[in-house]
Structures are given as structure tokens and as C-alpha cells.
Amino acid sequence: PELSWATCEQVFLASRLAIREMIWPDGGPPLLLDDPLVNFDPGRRKAAIDALTDIAKTHQVIIFTCTSAWDSAADTTIEMRAP
């Protein structure tokens, strides 16, 4: 209750990344993230995108999002239109 929603999400993302590194330091399954930066402020969003871009050099990272914040960092984007 003392932390903002964005701070909780930042701690959760950092925890997931640390656990992934502990369990699969040399590979492993793709890292799937569902709009992980939706509540981040611009500075933290850029830092997180930079960190995930670095991770993507050695691990597959798949991000589901409804924003274009990732477009410049993504190797590939797939836009799914509403039916």
C-alpha cells in the first residue's frame, strides 16, 4: 500500500528479469511480457527498454502491447487489428 502501482510494476519486472537470469543464464524459453511499461514514467520507460533491448541480444523477448513505445527498439513488430 505504500508503493505506487508503477513502482510495484518496476519491482516486478526487475524481479522477473533477475529470476530469468538465475534460472536460464545461457538461454531458456522466450521472455513474454504483457505491456510491462504501461505505468512507467518516460525516464524509467527508456531505461527499461534499453535493458530489455540488451537482454534481447542473447534471449528472445516477446512483448504484447497496445502502445508504440517499443517500435523503435523492436527488431520485428506485428500489428494485430481488431476484428
N, C-alpha and C. Protein backbone atom coordinates (compact mmCIF):
# COMPACT_ATOMS: atom_id res chain seq x y z
N PRO A 1 0.81 -1.21 0.00
CA PRO A 1 0.00 0.00 0.00
C PRO A 1 0.85 1.27 0.00
N GLU A 2 2.11 1.18 0.41
CA GLU A 2 2.94 2.38 0.45
C GLU A 2 3.60 2.68 -0.89
N LEU A 3 3.60 1.72 -1.80
CA LEU A 3 4.23 1.91 -3.10
C LEU A 3 3.19 2.22 -4.17
N SER A 4 3.57 3.04 -5.13
CA SER A 4 2.65 3.32 -6.25
C SER A 4 2.55 2.08 -7.13
N TRP A 5 1.52 2.05 -7.97
CA TRP A 5 1.33 0.93 -8.89
C TRP A 5 2.54 0.81 -9.83
N ALA A 6 3.04 1.95 -10.32
CA ALA A 6 4.19 1.93 -11.22
C ALA A 6 5.42 1.36 -10.53
N THR A 7 5.65 1.73 -9.28
CA THR A 7 6.79 1.20 -8.54
C THR A 7 6.66 -0.30 -8.35
N CYS A 8 5.47 -0.77 -8.04
CA CYS A 8 5.25 -2.22 -7.90
C CYS A 8 5.56 -2.93 -9.22
N GLU A 9 5.13 -2.36 -10.34
CA GLU A 9 5.41 -2.96 -11.64
C GLU A 9 6.90 -2.96 -11.95
N GLN A 10 7.61 -1.91 -11.54
CA GLN A 10 9.05 -1.85 -11.78
C GLN A 10 9.77 -2.92 -10.96
N VAL A 11 9.36 -3.11 -9.72
CA VAL A 11 9.95 -4.15 -8.87
C VAL A 11 9.64 -5.53 -9.45
N PHE A 12 8.41 -5.73 -9.93
CA PHE A 12 8.01 -6.99 -10.51
C PHE A 12 8.85 -7.29 -11.76
N LEU A 13 9.03 -6.31 -12.64
CA LEU A 13 9.82 -6.52 -13.84
C LEU A 13 11.27 -6.84 -13.48
N ALA A 14 11.85 -6.09 -12.56
CA ALA A 14 13.23 -6.35 -12.14
C ALA A 14 13.37 -7.74 -11.54
N SER A 15 12.39 -8.16 -10.77
CA SER A 15 12.41 -9.50 -10.17
C SER A 15 12.33 -10.58 -11.24
N ARG A 16 11.45 -10.41 -12.20
CA ARG A 16 11.33 -11.40 -13.29
C ARG A 16 12.62 -11.51 -14.07
N LEU A 17 13.24 -10.38 -14.36
CA LEU A 17 14.49 -10.40 -15.11
C LEU A 17 15.61 -11.07 -14.32
N ALA A 18 15.66 -10.81 -13.03
CA ALA A 18 16.68 -11.44 -12.18
C ALA A 18 16.46 -12.95 -12.07
N ILE A 19 15.23 -13.37 -11.90
CA ILE A 19 14.92 -14.80 -11.81
C ILE A 19 15.24 -15.49 -13.12
N ARG A 20 14.88 -14.86 -14.24
CA ARG A 20 15.20 -15.43 -15.55
C ARG A 20 16.69 -15.65 -15.70
N GLU A 21 17.48 -14.68 -15.27
CA GLU A 21 18.94 -14.78 -15.36
C GLU A 21 19.48 -15.89 -14.46
N MET A 22 18.89 -16.07 -13.29
CA MET A 22 19.33 -17.13 -12.38
C MET A 22 19.01 -18.51 -12.93
N ILE A 23 17.82 -18.67 -13.48
CA ILE A 23 17.38 -19.98 -13.96
C ILE A 23 17.99 -20.33 -15.31
N TRP A 24 18.02 -19.36 -16.24
CA TRP A 24 18.50 -19.60 -17.60
C TRP A 24 19.55 -18.57 -17.99
N PRO A 25 20.76 -18.64 -17.44
CA PRO A 25 21.77 -17.63 -17.78
C PRO A 25 22.23 -17.70 -19.23
N ASP A 26 22.09 -18.86 -19.86
CA ASP A 26 22.60 -19.03 -21.23
C ASP A 26 21.52 -19.33 -22.24
N GLY A 27 20.31 -18.93 -21.98
CA GLY A 27 19.24 -19.20 -22.93
C GLY A 27 17.92 -19.37 -22.23
N GLY A 28 17.20 -20.41 -22.60
CA GLY A 28 15.91 -20.68 -21.99
C GLY A 28 14.77 -20.26 -22.89
N PRO A 29 13.57 -20.36 -22.36
CA PRO A 29 12.39 -20.02 -23.16
C PRO A 29 12.32 -18.51 -23.40
N PRO A 30 11.48 -18.10 -24.36
CA PRO A 30 11.32 -16.66 -24.60
C PRO A 30 10.80 -15.94 -23.37
N LEU A 31 11.18 -14.71 -23.22
CA LEU A 31 10.66 -13.86 -22.16
C LEU A 31 9.41 -13.19 -22.71
N LEU A 32 8.25 -13.52 -22.15
CA LEU A 32 6.97 -12.96 -22.59
C LEU A 32 6.53 -11.89 -21.61
N LEU A 33 6.25 -10.70 -22.12
CA LEU A 33 5.84 -9.58 -21.28
C LEU A 33 4.57 -8.96 -21.85
N ASP A 34 3.60 -8.70 -20.99
CA ASP A 34 2.35 -8.10 -21.41
C ASP A 34 2.30 -6.65 -20.95
N ASP A 35 2.57 -5.73 -21.87
CA ASP A 35 2.57 -4.28 -21.62
C ASP A 35 3.27 -3.93 -20.30
N PRO A 36 4.54 -4.30 -20.16
CA PRO A 36 5.23 -4.14 -18.88
C PRO A 36 5.52 -2.70 -18.47
N LEU A 37 5.46 -1.76 -19.40
CA LEU A 37 5.86 -0.39 -19.07
C LEU A 37 4.71 0.60 -19.09
N VAL A 38 3.50 0.11 -19.06
CA VAL A 38 2.34 0.97 -19.24
C VAL A 38 2.26 2.09 -18.18
N ASN A 39 2.74 1.85 -16.99
CA ASN A 39 2.67 2.86 -15.93
C ASN A 39 4.01 3.51 -15.61
N PHE A 40 5.03 3.24 -16.41
CA PHE A 40 6.35 3.82 -16.16
C PHE A 40 6.39 5.27 -16.64
N ASP A 41 7.14 6.10 -15.94
CA ASP A 41 7.36 7.46 -16.42
C ASP A 41 8.36 7.41 -17.58
N PRO A 42 8.47 8.45 -18.39
CA PRO A 42 9.32 8.40 -19.60
C PRO A 42 10.78 7.99 -19.33
N GLY A 43 11.37 8.49 -18.27
CA GLY A 43 12.77 8.15 -17.98
C GLY A 43 12.96 6.69 -17.64
N ARG A 44 12.08 6.16 -16.80
CA ARG A 44 12.16 4.74 -16.43
C ARG A 44 11.77 3.85 -17.60
N ARG A 45 10.83 4.32 -18.42
CA ARG A 45 10.44 3.55 -19.61
C ARG A 45 11.65 3.39 -20.53
N LYS A 46 12.39 4.47 -20.78
CA LYS A 46 13.57 4.39 -21.65
C LYS A 46 14.62 3.46 -21.06
N ALA A 47 14.85 3.55 -19.76
CA ALA A 47 15.84 2.68 -19.12
C ALA A 47 15.42 1.21 -19.23
N ALA A 48 14.13 0.93 -19.05
CA ALA A 48 13.65 -0.44 -19.15
C ALA A 48 13.74 -0.95 -20.59
N ILE A 49 13.41 -0.11 -21.56
CA ILE A 49 13.53 -0.50 -22.97
C ILE A 49 14.99 -0.79 -23.30
N ASP A 50 15.89 0.04 -22.81
CA ASP A 50 17.32 -0.19 -23.05
C ASP A 50 17.76 -1.52 -22.42
N ALA A 51 17.31 -1.80 -21.21
CA ALA A 51 17.67 -3.06 -20.54
C ALA A 51 17.12 -4.26 -21.28
N LEU A 52 15.86 -4.18 -21.71
CA LEU A 52 15.26 -5.30 -22.44
C LEU A 52 15.87 -5.47 -23.83
N THR A 53 16.27 -4.37 -24.45
CA THR A 53 16.96 -4.45 -25.74
C THR A 53 18.29 -5.17 -25.57
N ASP A 54 18.97 -4.90 -24.47
CA ASP A 54 20.23 -5.58 -24.19
C ASP A 54 20.00 -7.08 -23.96
N ILE A 55 18.97 -7.43 -23.21
CA ILE A 55 18.63 -8.83 -22.97
C ILE A 55 18.29 -9.52 -24.28
N ALA A 56 17.62 -8.81 -25.18
CA ALA A 56 17.20 -9.39 -26.46
C ALA A 56 18.38 -9.75 -27.36
N LYS A 57 19.57 -9.30 -27.03
CA LYS A 57 20.75 -9.69 -27.81
C LYS A 57 21.07 -11.17 -27.63
N THR A 58 20.69 -11.74 -26.48
CA THR A 58 21.00 -13.14 -26.20
C THR A 58 19.77 -13.99 -25.91
N HIS A 59 18.63 -13.38 -25.67
CA HIS A 59 17.40 -14.10 -25.35
C HIS A 59 16.26 -13.53 -26.18
N GLN A 60 15.33 -14.39 -26.56
CA GLN A 60 14.17 -13.90 -27.30
C GLN A 60 13.23 -13.20 -26.33
N VAL A 61 12.82 -11.99 -26.68
CA VAL A 61 11.90 -11.20 -25.87
C VAL A 61 10.67 -10.91 -26.72
N ILE A 62 9.49 -11.28 -26.21
CA ILE A 62 8.24 -11.04 -26.90
C ILE A 62 7.39 -10.14 -26.02
N ILE A 63 6.97 -9.01 -26.57
CA ILE A 63 6.21 -8.04 -25.79
C ILE A 63 4.85 -7.82 -26.46
N PHE A 64 3.81 -7.98 -25.69
CA PHE A 64 2.45 -7.69 -26.13
C PHE A 64 2.11 -6.31 -25.59
N THR A 65 1.71 -5.40 -26.48
CA THR A 65 1.45 -4.04 -26.03
C THR A 65 0.42 -3.36 -26.92
N CYS A 66 -0.18 -2.32 -26.41
CA CYS A 66 -1.13 -1.54 -27.19
C CYS A 66 -0.58 -0.14 -27.47
N THR A 67 0.73 0.05 -27.22
CA THR A 67 1.36 1.34 -27.48
C THR A 67 2.47 1.19 -28.51
N SER A 68 2.95 2.30 -28.99
CA SER A 68 4.06 2.28 -29.95
C SER A 68 5.40 2.55 -29.28
N ALA A 69 5.46 2.52 -27.95
CA ALA A 69 6.69 2.83 -27.23
C ALA A 69 7.85 1.91 -27.60
N TRP A 70 7.54 0.70 -28.03
CA TRP A 70 8.57 -0.30 -28.34
C TRP A 70 9.02 -0.26 -29.79
N ASP A 71 8.27 0.40 -30.66
CA ASP A 71 8.52 0.29 -32.09
C ASP A 71 9.96 0.58 -32.49
N SER A 72 10.56 1.57 -31.91
CA SER A 72 11.93 1.92 -32.31
C SER A 72 12.96 0.92 -31.81
N ALA A 73 12.64 0.16 -30.77
CA ALA A 73 13.59 -0.81 -30.22
C ALA A 73 13.39 -2.21 -30.76
N ALA A 74 12.25 -2.49 -31.34
CA ALA A 74 11.91 -3.84 -31.77
C ALA A 74 12.60 -4.20 -33.07
N ASP A 75 13.04 -5.46 -33.16
CA ASP A 75 13.55 -5.99 -34.42
C ASP A 75 12.39 -6.22 -35.39
N THR A 76 11.28 -6.70 -34.83
CA THR A 76 10.10 -7.02 -35.63
C THR A 76 8.86 -6.59 -34.87
N THR A 77 7.90 -5.99 -35.55
CA THR A 77 6.61 -5.69 -34.94
C THR A 77 5.52 -6.34 -35.77
N ILE A 78 4.52 -6.82 -35.09
CA ILE A 78 3.35 -7.42 -35.74
C ILE A 78 2.14 -6.70 -35.18
N GLU A 79 1.44 -6.01 -36.04
CA GLU A 79 0.25 -5.29 -35.61
C GLU A 79 -0.97 -6.17 -35.86
N MET A 80 -1.74 -6.37 -34.80
CA MET A 80 -2.95 -7.18 -34.91
C MET A 80 -4.15 -6.24 -34.82
N ARG A 81 -4.87 -6.15 -35.88
CA ARG A 81 -6.03 -5.26 -35.92
C ARG A 81 -7.24 -5.95 -35.31
N ALA A 82 -8.13 -5.13 -34.77
CA ALA A 82 -9.38 -5.65 -34.20
C ALA A 82 -10.22 -6.28 -35.31
N PRO A 83 -10.98 -7.32 -34.97
CA PRO A 83 -11.82 -7.95 -35.99
C PRO A 83 -12.91 -7.02 -36.50
